[in-house]
Every structure is written in C-alpha cells, then in structure tokens.
Protein backbone atom coordinates (compact mmCIF):
# COMPACT_ATOMS: atom_id res chain seq x y z
CA UNK A 1 -27.99 -23.30 61.21
CA UNK A 2 -30.98 -23.43 58.95
CA UNK A 3 -30.99 -22.78 55.22
CA UNK A 4 -34.14 -21.97 53.27
CA UNK A 5 -34.07 -22.02 49.47
CA UNK A 6 -36.71 -20.15 47.48
CA UNK A 7 -37.22 -21.09 43.84
CA UNK A 8 -39.67 -20.13 41.12
CA UNK A 9 -41.17 -16.83 40.05
CA UNK A 10 -41.48 -13.88 42.35
CA UNK A 11 -45.03 -13.16 41.20
CA UNK A 12 -45.81 -9.85 39.54
CA UNK A 13 -42.22 -8.82 38.92
CA UNK A 14 -42.44 -6.06 41.53
CA UNK A 15 -41.98 -8.31 44.54
CA UNK A 16 -38.95 -10.24 45.61
CA UNK A 17 -39.06 -13.98 46.32
CA UNK A 18 -37.92 -13.11 49.81
CA UNK A 19 -40.70 -10.55 50.38
CA UNK A 20 -42.58 -12.71 52.89
CA UNK A 21 -39.43 -13.13 54.98
CA UNK A 22 -38.70 -9.40 54.73
CA UNK A 23 -42.24 -8.59 55.86
CA UNK A 24 -42.00 -11.01 58.81
CA UNK A 25 -38.67 -9.55 59.94
CA UNK A 26 -39.98 -5.99 59.63
CA UNK A 27 -43.05 -6.92 61.73
CA UNK A 28 -40.60 -7.97 64.45
CA UNK A 29 -38.74 -4.66 64.13
CA UNK A 30 -35.76 -6.11 62.27
CA UNK A 31 -34.37 -4.84 59.01
CA UNK A 32 -31.76 -6.90 57.21
CA UNK A 33 -29.75 -5.76 54.21
CA UNK A 34 -30.05 -8.14 51.30
CA UNK A 35 -26.98 -9.67 49.68
CA UNK A 36 -27.08 -9.67 45.88
CA UNK A 37 -25.41 -12.98 45.03
CA UNK A 38 -24.56 -11.84 41.51
CA UNK A 39 -21.96 -9.51 42.98
CA UNK A 40 -20.00 -12.45 44.41
CA UNK A 41 -18.44 -15.67 43.24
CA UNK A 42 -19.06 -18.83 45.24
CA UNK A 43 -16.18 -18.26 47.66
CA UNK A 44 -16.95 -14.56 48.01
CA UNK A 45 -20.52 -15.37 48.97
CA UNK A 46 -19.32 -17.77 51.68
CA UNK A 47 -16.99 -15.08 53.03
CA UNK A 48 -19.75 -12.48 53.27
CA UNK A 49 -22.01 -15.02 55.01
CA UNK A 50 -19.29 -15.70 57.59
CA UNK A 51 -18.69 -11.98 58.13
CA UNK A 52 -22.40 -11.28 58.61
CA UNK A 53 -22.80 -14.24 61.01
CA UNK A 54 -19.72 -13.26 63.01
CA UNK A 55 -21.10 -9.71 63.18
CA UNK A 56 -24.23 -11.00 64.90
CA UNK A 57 -26.71 -11.05 62.02
CA UNK A 58 -29.05 -14.01 62.61
CA UNK A 59 -31.20 -13.83 59.46
CA UNK A 60 -29.27 -13.42 56.24
CA UNK A 61 -31.12 -12.74 52.98
CA UNK A 62 -29.42 -13.61 49.69
CA UNK A 63 -31.10 -12.83 46.37
CA UNK A 64 -30.43 -14.16 42.84
CA UNK A 65 -28.27 -17.16 43.77
CA UNK A 66 -26.99 -19.47 41.08
CA UNK A 67 -27.40 -23.20 41.44
CA UNK A 68 -23.68 -23.52 42.16
CA UNK A 69 -23.78 -20.85 44.86
CA UNK A 70 -26.64 -22.67 46.59
CA UNK A 71 -24.76 -25.97 46.44
CA UNK A 72 -21.62 -24.34 47.90
CA UNK A 73 -23.62 -22.81 50.76
CA UNK A 74 -25.11 -26.23 51.53
CA UNK A 75 -21.63 -27.81 51.49
CA UNK A 76 -20.32 -25.01 53.72
CA UNK A 77 -23.19 -25.61 56.16
CA UNK A 78 -22.07 -29.19 56.72
CA UNK A 79 -18.55 -27.98 57.53
CA UNK A 80 -19.48 -25.26 60.04
CA UNK A 81 -22.76 -26.42 61.55
CA UNK A 82 -21.20 -27.37 64.90
CA UNK A 83 -19.56 -23.99 65.48
CA UNK A 84 -21.48 -21.95 68.10
CA UNK A 85 -21.48 -18.74 66.05
CA UNK A 86 -23.77 -20.46 63.53
CA UNK A 87 -26.20 -22.11 66.00
CA UNK A 88 -29.22 -19.82 65.55
CA UNK A 89 -28.37 -18.58 62.06
CA UNK A 90 -31.01 -18.70 59.32
CA UNK A 91 -29.90 -18.14 55.72
CA UNK A 92 -32.60 -17.41 53.14
CA UNK A 93 -31.40 -18.07 49.58
CA UNK A 94 -33.48 -17.07 46.55
CA UNK A 95 -32.48 -18.74 43.32
CA UNK A 96 -32.35 -16.57 40.25
CA UNK A 97 -34.87 -17.30 37.50
C-alpha cells in the first residue's frame, strides 16, 4: 500500500489538488470517484477505504482531509499493510486548506 498526501493550494481555485492524478488515471482509461472526506468522520473514512479496496479499486482519491483523518489513515496503513487485498493499493489524500 502506498499513501500520497497532497498539501497546499490547488492553484487557481478551479482545479483540485488531485487534478494531476485524475488526469493520469484518465489517460490510462480509468475513472475513479472521489471521496469527499468532509462527509465522513475518521472511522467512517477508514471504512469507505476498506470497502473500496475490497471492491477492487486500486487508486483511491480522497479530497479535503483533515489533519486527523490523514493521521488515522497512516495509522491504519501500518495495521493492514501485510494483507494481500491492500498490496497494490494507492491512496491519494488531499489535505483541506
């Protein structure tokens, strides 16, 4: 499992911090729905990540994460990193401004 954390401004306000990742995935013919972290608490976010991973999604995009949500995802990673379902998973977390 790999976790990428994006911080800082998105640019002109019209683009998402994850836009480069979205563009790369689209170039490969993949479209991934984005999770809006504000809709979930820390535990809820972990649950949706597990559901998406178990469903076969290999790139998971999460926008507007709080600092605490990012820390919980990093803690969760250390607990599940040896489970095969998470081997080739990449989670892209964008911290809210």
